[in-house]
C-alpha atoms as a PDB file:
ATOM      1  CA  UNK A   1     -24.642  -5.409  23.666  1.00  0.00           C
ATOM      2  CA  UNK A   2     -21.012  -5.757  23.038  1.00  0.00           C
ATOM      3  CA  UNK A   3     -19.376  -5.359  19.606  1.00  0.00           C
ATOM      4  CA  UNK A   4     -15.843  -6.295  18.357  1.00  0.00           C
ATOM      5  CA  UNK A   5     -14.550  -5.671  14.801  1.00  0.00           C
ATOM      6  CA  UNK A   6     -12.419  -8.415  13.588  1.00  0.00           C
ATOM      7  CA  UNK A   7     -10.042  -7.643  10.591  1.00  0.00           C
ATOM      8  CA  UNK A   8      -7.871 -10.255   8.821  1.00  0.00           C
ATOM      9  CA  UNK A   9      -4.166  -9.107   8.334  1.00  0.00           C
ATOM     10  CA  UNK A  10      -1.185 -10.271   6.902  1.00  0.00           C
ATOM     11  CA  UNK A  11       1.870  -7.874   6.756  1.00  0.00           C
ATOM     12  CA  UNK A  12       1.382  -4.488   5.214  1.00  0.00           C
ATOM     13  CA  UNK A  13       1.881  -2.765   8.509  1.00  0.00           C
ATOM     14  CA  UNK A  14       1.717   0.809   6.697  1.00  0.00           C
ATOM     15  CA  UNK A  15      -1.793  -0.202   5.336  1.00  0.00           C
ATOM     16  CA  UNK A  16      -3.008  -1.564   8.620  1.00  0.00           C
ATOM     17  CA  UNK A  17      -1.793   1.749  10.254  1.00  0.00           C
ATOM     18  CA  UNK A  18      -4.214   3.812   8.290  1.00  0.00           C
ATOM     19  CA  UNK A  19      -7.024   1.687   8.738  1.00  0.00           C
ATOM     20  CA  UNK A  20      -6.554   1.532  12.504  1.00  0.00           C
ATOM     21  CA  UNK A  21      -6.373   4.989  12.519  1.00  0.00           C
ATOM     22  CA  UNK A  22      -9.812   5.202  11.005  1.00  0.00           C
ATOM     23  CA  UNK A  23     -11.121   3.433  14.305  1.00  0.00           C
ATOM     24  CA  UNK A  24      -9.764   6.240  16.130  1.00  0.00           C
ATOM     25  CA  UNK A  25     -11.991   8.436  14.484  1.00  0.00           C
ATOM     26  CA  UNK A  26     -15.090   6.641  14.838  1.00  0.00           C
ATOM     27  CA  UNK A  27     -18.142   8.758  16.211  1.00  0.00           C
ATOM     28  CA  UNK A  28     -19.090   5.733  18.282  1.00  0.00           C
ATOM     29  CA  UNK A  29     -15.937   4.552  20.516  1.00  0.00           C
ATOM     30  CA  UNK A  30     -17.958   1.626  22.141  1.00  0.00           C
ATOM     31  CA  UNK A  31     -16.308  -1.131  20.496  1.00  0.00           C
ATOM     32  CA  UNK A  32     -13.311  -3.265  20.429  1.00  0.00           C
ATOM     33  CA  UNK A  33     -10.820  -4.512  17.896  1.00  0.00           C
ATOM     34  CA  UNK A  34      -9.168  -7.988  17.160  1.00  0.00           C
ATOM     35  CA  UNK A  35      -6.516  -7.947  14.465  1.00  0.00           C
ATOM     36  CA  UNK A  36      -6.583 -11.503  13.125  1.00  0.00           C
ATOM     37  CA  UNK A  37      -2.919 -12.212  12.046  1.00  0.00           C
ATOM     38  CA  UNK A  38      -2.469 -14.733   9.512  1.00  0.00           C
ATOM     39  CA  UNK A  39       1.412 -15.038  10.202  1.00  0.00           C
ATOM     40  CA  UNK A  40       2.695 -11.520   9.734  1.00  0.00           C
ATOM     41  CA  UNK A  41       6.469 -10.460  10.984  1.00  0.00           C
ATOM     42  CA  UNK A  42       6.750  -8.654  14.265  1.00  0.00           C
ATOM     43  CA  UNK A  43       5.994  -4.994  12.585  1.00  0.00           C
ATOM     44  CA  UNK A  44       2.287  -5.905  12.741  1.00  0.00           C
ATOM     45  CA  UNK A  45       2.327  -6.875  16.610  1.00  0.00           C
ATOM     46  CA  UNK A  46       4.270  -3.664  17.302  1.00  0.00           C
ATOM     47  CA  UNK A  47       2.006  -1.509  15.436  1.00  0.00           C
ATOM     48  CA  UNK A  48      -1.009  -2.827  17.435  1.00  0.00           C
ATOM     49  CA  UNK A  49       0.908  -2.352  20.701  1.00  0.00           C
ATOM     50  CA  UNK A  50       1.434   1.182  19.490  1.00  0.00           C
ATOM     51  CA  UNK A  51      -2.372   1.826  18.832  1.00  0.00           C
ATOM     52  CA  UNK A  52      -2.994   0.375  22.237  1.00  0.00           C
ATOM     53  CA  UNK A  53      -0.985   3.058  23.884  1.00  0.00           C
ATOM     54  CA  UNK A  54      -3.039   5.579  21.842  1.00  0.00           C
ATOM     55  CA  UNK A  55      -6.270   4.133  23.789  1.00  0.00           C
ATOM     56  CA  UNK A  56      -7.706   2.198  21.042  1.00  0.00           C
ATOM     57  CA  UNK A  57      -9.163  -1.262  22.310  1.00  0.00           C
ATOM     58  CA  UNK A  58      -7.252  -3.576  20.347  1.00  0.00           C
ATOM     59  CA  UNK A  59      -6.082  -6.780  20.727  1.00  0.00           C
ATOM     60  CA  UNK A  60      -3.843  -9.144  18.359  1.00  0.00           C
ATOM     61  CA  UNK A  61      -4.089 -12.750  17.781  1.00  0.00           C
ATOM     62  CA  UNK A  62      -1.363 -14.501  15.544  1.00  0.00           C
ATOM     63  CA  UNK A  63      -0.582 -17.858  14.333  1.00  0.00           C
ATOM     64  CA  UNK A  64       2.395 -19.320  12.208  1.00  0.00           C
ATOM     65  CA  UNK A  65       2.489 -18.363   8.427  1.00  0.00           C
ATOM     66  CA  UNK A  66       1.827 -21.843   6.556  1.00  0.00           C
ATOM     67  CA  UNK A  67       0.090 -20.044   3.808  1.00  0.00           C
ATOM     68  CA  UNK A  68      -3.219 -18.656   3.156  1.00  0.00           C
ATOM     69  CA  UNK A  69      -5.285 -19.661   6.205  1.00  0.00           C
ATOM     70  CA  UNK A  70      -7.638 -16.468   6.694  1.00  0.00           C
ATOM     71  CA  UNK A  71     -10.619 -18.953   7.848  1.00  0.00           C
ATOM     72  CA  UNK A  72      -8.449 -20.413  10.586  1.00  0.00           C
ATOM     73  CA  UNK A  73      -7.457 -17.322  12.161  1.00  0.00           C
ATOM     74  CA  UNK A  74     -11.018 -15.772  11.871  1.00  0.00           C
ATOM     75  CA  UNK A  75     -12.141 -18.540  13.780  1.00  0.00           C
ATOM     76  CA  UNK A  76      -9.610 -18.356  16.292  1.00  0.00           C
ATOM     77  CA  UNK A  77     -10.766 -14.840  16.686  1.00  0.00           C
ATOM     78  CA  UNK A  78     -14.154 -15.441  17.009  1.00  0.00           C
ATOM     79  CA  UNK A  79     -13.522 -18.311  19.492  1.00  0.00           C
ATOM     80  CA  UNK A  80     -11.575 -15.914  21.964  1.00  0.00           C
ATOM     81  CA  UNK A  81     -13.845 -12.960  21.447  1.00  0.00           C
ATOM     82  CA  UNK A  82     -16.177 -11.723  24.211  1.00  0.00           C
ATOM     83  CA  UNK A  83     -18.364  -9.568  22.107  1.00  0.00           C
ATOM     84  CA  UNK A  84     -22.139 -10.419  21.079  1.00  0.00           C
ATOM     85  CA  UNK A  85     -21.857  -9.298  17.586  1.00  0.00           C
ATOM     86  CA  UNK A  86     -18.902  -9.376  15.551  1.00  0.00           C
ATOM     87  CA  UNK A  87     -18.264  -6.771  12.365  1.00  0.00           C
ATOM     88  CA  UNK A  88     -15.812  -8.401  10.079  1.00  0.00           C
ATOM     89  CA  UNK A  89     -13.511  -6.495   7.918  1.00  0.00           C
ATOM     90  CA  UNK A  90     -10.074  -6.363   6.361  1.00  0.00           C
ATOM     91  CA  UNK A  91      -6.875  -4.603   7.512  1.00  0.00           C
ATOM     92  CA  UNK A  92      -6.713  -2.529   4.201  1.00  0.00           C
ATOM     93  CA  UNK A  93     -10.472  -1.370   4.759  1.00  0.00           C
ATOM     94  CA  UNK A  94     -10.420   2.092   6.038  1.00  0.00           C
ATOM     95  CA  UNK A  95     -13.643   2.839   7.845  1.00  0.00           C
ATOM     96  CA  UNK A  96     -15.956   5.986   7.604  1.00  0.00           C
ATOM     97  CA  UNK A  97     -16.446   7.558  10.756  1.00  0.00           C
ATOM     98  CA  UNK A  98     -19.824   6.211  10.984  1.00  0.00           C
ATOM     99  CA  UNK A  99     -19.047   2.899  10.149  1.00  0.00           C
ATOM    100  CA  UNK A 100     -19.304   1.049  13.576  1.00  0.00           C
ATOM    101  CA  UNK A 101     -22.389   3.498  14.571  1.00  0.00           C
ATOM    102  CA  UNK A 102     -24.242   2.648  11.327  1.00  0.00           C
ATOM    103  CA  UNK A 103     -23.698  -1.399  12.054  1.00  0.00           C
ATOM    104  CA  UNK A 104     -25.235  -0.811  15.544  1.00  0.00           C
ATOM    105  CA  UNK A 105     -28.247   1.090  14.191  1.00  0.00           C
ATOM    106  CA  UNK A 106     -28.980  -1.516  11.332  1.00  0.00           C
ATOM    107  CA  UNK A 107     -28.242  -4.548  13.603  1.00  0.00           C
ATOM    108  CA  UNK A 108     -31.039  -6.785  14.247  1.00  0.00           C
ATOM    109  CA  UNK A 109     -31.254 -10.336  16.147  1.00  0.00           C
ATOM    110  CA  UNK A 110     -30.443 -13.293  13.856  1.00  0.00           C
ATOM    111  CA  UNK A 111     -29.926 -10.757  10.948  1.00  0.00           C
ATOM    112  CA  UNK A 112     -26.732 -10.268   8.985  1.00  0.00           C
ATOM    113  CA  UNK A 113     -25.878  -6.667   8.009  1.00  0.00           C
ATOM    114  CA  UNK A 114     -23.408  -5.849   5.062  1.00  0.00           C
ATOM    115  CA  UNK A 115     -22.605  -2.709   3.425  1.00  0.00           C
ATOM    116  CA  UNK A 116     -20.684  -1.647   0.316  1.00  0.00           C
ATOM    117  CA  UNK A 117     -16.814  -0.844  -0.302  1.00  0.00           C
ATOM    118  CA  UNK A 118     -15.235   1.727  -2.478  1.00  0.00           C
ATOM    119  CA  UNK A 119     -11.766   1.015  -3.878  1.00  0.00           C
ATOM    120  CA  UNK A 120      -9.048   3.812  -4.288  1.00  0.00           C
ATOM    121  CA  UNK A 121      -6.754   3.952  -6.916  1.00  0.00           C
ATOM    122  CA  UNK A 122      -2.967   3.367  -6.570  1.00  0.00           C
ATOM    123  CA  UNK A 123      -1.981   7.084  -6.875  1.00  0.00           C
ATOM    124  CA  UNK A 124      -4.637   8.084  -3.726  1.00  0.00           C
ATOM    125  CA  UNK A 125      -3.276   4.959  -1.718  1.00  0.00           C
ATOM    126  CA  UNK A 126       0.215   5.917  -2.365  1.00  0.00           C
ATOM    127  CA  UNK A 127      -0.406   9.324  -1.077  1.00  0.00           C
ATOM    128  CA  UNK A 128      -1.993   8.089   2.079  1.00  0.00           C
ATOM    129  CA  UNK A 129       0.886   5.747   2.785  1.00  0.00           C
ATOM    130  CA  UNK A 130       3.644   8.641   2.236  1.00  0.00           C
ATOM    131  CA  UNK A 131       1.480  10.731   4.548  1.00  0.00           C
ATOM    132  CA  UNK A 132       0.863  13.229   1.698  1.00  0.00           C
ATOM    133  CA  UNK A 133      -3.050  13.035   2.090  1.00  0.00           C
ATOM    134  CA  UNK A 134      -5.013  12.286   5.336  1.00  0.00           C
ATOM    135  CA  UNK A 135      -7.693   9.829   5.723  1.00  0.00           C
ATOM    136  CA  UNK A 136      -9.937  12.531   7.024  1.00  0.00           C
ATOM    137  CA  UNK A 137      -9.875  13.797   3.313  1.00  0.00           C
ATOM    138  CA  UNK A 138     -11.704  10.807   2.470  1.00  0.00           C
ATOM    139  CA  UNK A 139     -14.963  12.083   4.347  1.00  0.00           C
ATOM    140  CA  UNK A 140     -15.095  14.835   1.608  1.00  0.00           C
ATOM    141  CA  UNK A 141     -17.862  13.590  -0.913  1.00  0.00           C
ATOM    142  CA  UNK A 142     -16.483  16.342  -3.417  1.00  0.00           C
ATOM    143  CA  UNK A 143     -12.907  15.104  -3.167  1.00  0.00           C
ATOM    144  CA  UNK A 144     -14.436  11.313  -3.665  1.00  0.00           C
ATOM    145  CA  UNK A 145     -16.334  12.264  -6.891  1.00  0.00           C
ATOM    146  CA  UNK A 146     -13.330  14.155  -8.131  1.00  0.00           C
ATOM    147  CA  UNK A 147     -11.259  11.034  -7.552  1.00  0.00           C
ATOM    148  CA  UNK A 148     -13.971   8.951  -9.592  1.00  0.00           C
ATOM    149  CA  UNK A 149     -13.919  11.311 -12.376  1.00  0.00           C
ATOM    150  CA  UNK A 150      -9.900  10.817 -12.523  1.00  0.00           C
ATOM    151  CA  UNK A 151     -10.562   7.007 -12.291  1.00  0.00           C
ATOM    152  CA  UNK A 152      -8.745   6.995  -8.841  1.00  0.00           C
ATOM    153  CA  UNK A 153     -12.070   5.387  -6.987  1.00  0.00           C
ATOM    154  CA  UNK A 154     -14.631   3.118  -8.226  1.00  0.00           C
ATOM    155  CA  UNK A 155     -18.285   2.775  -7.577  1.00  0.00           C
ATOM    156  CA  UNK A 156     -18.825   6.169  -6.212  1.00  0.00           C
ATOM    157  CA  UNK A 157     -22.420   5.858  -5.753  1.00  0.00           C
ATOM    158  CA  UNK A 158     -21.727   3.359  -2.855  1.00  0.00           C
ATOM    159  CA  UNK A 159     -19.673   6.269  -1.326  1.00  0.00           C
ATOM    160  CA  UNK A 160     -22.775   8.217  -0.427  1.00  0.00           C
ATOM    161  CA  UNK A 161     -24.212   7.839   3.094  1.00  0.00           C
ATOM    162  CA  UNK A 162     -27.963   7.551   2.384  1.00  0.00           C
ATOM    163  CA  UNK A 163     -30.350   8.422   4.990  1.00  0.00           C
ATOM    164  CA  UNK A 164     -31.891   5.406   6.690  1.00  0.00           C
ATOM    165  CA  UNK A 165     -35.444   5.662   5.335  1.00  0.00           C
ATOM    166  CA  UNK A 166     -33.772   5.653   1.788  1.00  0.00           C
ATOM    167  CA  UNK A 167     -32.162   2.519   2.120  1.00  0.00           C
ATOM    168  CA  UNK A 168     -34.978   0.232   1.189  1.00  0.00           C
ATOM    169  CA  UNK A 169     -35.170   1.973  -2.184  1.00  0.00           C
ATOM    170  CA  UNK A 170     -31.491   1.830  -2.583  1.00  0.00           C
ATOM    171  CA  UNK A 171     -31.369  -1.748  -2.015  1.00  0.00           C
ATOM    172  CA  UNK A 172     -34.299  -2.509  -4.589  1.00  0.00           C
ATOM    173  CA  UNK A 173     -32.003  -0.565  -7.112  1.00  0.00           C
ATOM    174  CA  UNK A 174     -28.661  -2.356  -6.085  1.00  0.00           C
ATOM    175  CA  UNK A 175     -28.553  -5.502  -4.123  1.00  0.00           C
ATOM    176  CA  UNK A 176     -25.458  -5.796  -1.914  1.00  0.00           C
ATOM    177  CA  UNK A 177     -24.129  -9.149  -1.419  1.00  0.00           C
ATOM    178  CA  UNK A 178     -22.266  -9.872   1.796  1.00  0.00           C
ATOM    179  CA  UNK A 179     -18.689  -9.155   1.611  1.00  0.00           C
ATOM    180  CA  UNK A 180     -15.840 -10.463   3.640  1.00  0.00           C
ATOM    181  CA  UNK A 181     -14.553  -6.993   4.136  1.00  0.00           C
ATOM    182  CA  UNK A 182     -17.769  -5.661   5.573  1.00  0.00           C
ATOM    183  CA  UNK A 183     -20.500  -7.719   7.324  1.00  0.00           C
ATOM    184  CA  UNK A 184     -21.735  -7.935  10.786  1.00  0.00           C
ATOM    185  CA  UNK A 185     -23.388 -11.137  12.546  1.00  0.00           C
ATOM    186  CA  UNK A 186     -24.284 -12.393  16.022  1.00  0.00           C
ATOM    187  CA  UNK A 187     -21.273 -14.250  17.521  1.00  0.00           C
ATOM    188  CA  UNK A 188     -23.647 -17.001  18.897  1.00  0.00           C
ATOM    189  CA  UNK A 189     -25.178 -17.435  15.193  1.00  0.00           C
ATOM    190  CA  UNK A 190     -21.693 -17.736  13.755  1.00  0.00           C
ATOM    191  CA  UNK A 191     -20.846 -20.433  16.543  1.00  0.00           C
ATOM    192  CA  UNK A 192     -23.920 -22.426  15.583  1.00  0.00           C
ATOM    193  CA  UNK A 193     -22.929 -22.962  12.125  1.00  0.00           C
ATOM    194  CA  UNK A 194     -19.257 -23.924  13.408  1.00  0.00           C
ATOM    195  CA  UNK A 195     -17.681 -20.609  11.967  1.00  0.00           C
ATOM    196  CA  UNK A 196     -15.940 -20.182   8.665  1.00  0.00           C
ATOM    197  CA  UNK A 197     -15.273 -23.310   6.633  1.00  0.00           C
ATOM    198  CA  UNK A 198     -11.499 -23.839   7.185  1.00  0.00           C
ATOM    199  CA  UNK A 199     -11.148 -26.325   4.305  1.00  0.00           C
ATOM    200  CA  UNK A 200     -10.868 -23.168   2.381  1.00  0.00           C
ATOM    201  CA  UNK A 201      -7.036 -22.850   2.505  1.00  0.00           C
ATOM    202  CA  UNK A 202      -5.034 -21.536  -0.143  1.00  0.00           C
ATOM    203  CA  UNK A 203      -3.757 -18.294  -1.319  1.00  0.00           C
ATOM    204  CA  UNK A 204      -6.247 -15.687  -2.411  1.00  0.00           C
ATOM    205  CA  UNK A 205      -5.933 -12.650  -4.446  1.00  0.00           C
ATOM    206  CA  UNK A 206      -4.561  -9.943  -2.340  1.00  0.00           C
ATOM    207  CA  UNK A 207      -5.869  -6.301  -2.939  1.00  0.00           C
ATOM    208  CA  UNK A 208      -2.818  -3.844  -3.153  1.00  0.00           C
ATOM    209  CA  UNK A 209      -4.988  -0.786  -3.013  1.00  0.00           C
ATOM    210  CA  UNK A 210      -7.080   0.477  -0.099  1.00  0.00           C
ATOM    211  CA  UNK A 211     -10.793   0.827   0.071  1.00  0.00           C
ATOM    212  CA  UNK A 212     -13.312   2.440   2.423  1.00  0.00           C
ATOM    213  CA  UNK A 213     -16.025   0.728   4.128  1.00  0.00           C
ATOM    214  CA  UNK A 214     -19.462   2.411   4.156  1.00  0.00           C
ATOM    215  CA  UNK A 215     -22.749   0.744   5.743  1.00  0.00           C
END
């Protein structure tokens, strides 16, 4: 089965740089990436090209900036994808090293898989953007706990990578609703429902902080 990560993006090339770096660190490298660009400037395209040279299987699709048209560019990405299953995320969502592998392990026919996300505070986000910290530090549970105690990370319980056999119990305790920044579905099923609702057009609230995606 072919997998592709489709992430919506709009400017913020420095943040996208961190996110794409996270995909270089995946334990499972058998996947592609599509940056679905909702009208960014040339710096995003140039950044994608730089990661192509690093060996990341990433492509870039773009349409003109005519306001917030996330659903439109996502549908274009889906239509042009050759993947069997698509993992949706955002350009400001740094994946854990197990992100793609876990989505593969938990996938099932006709099933939608979703996972939580953990928000980083402004201070840690700035340190990452300035190169004063590395995204590899985010794999350290002790550091994440310390950041949580300092109010620089929210929902620490969602940063724990639970064993698969524990997940049913965790799901009973805390229901995870599908997040646009972290869910996977078969491409064919998405096509059967005509993709995303393109009537949903308009400016949405943009997060100015980074998040970490877990499954």
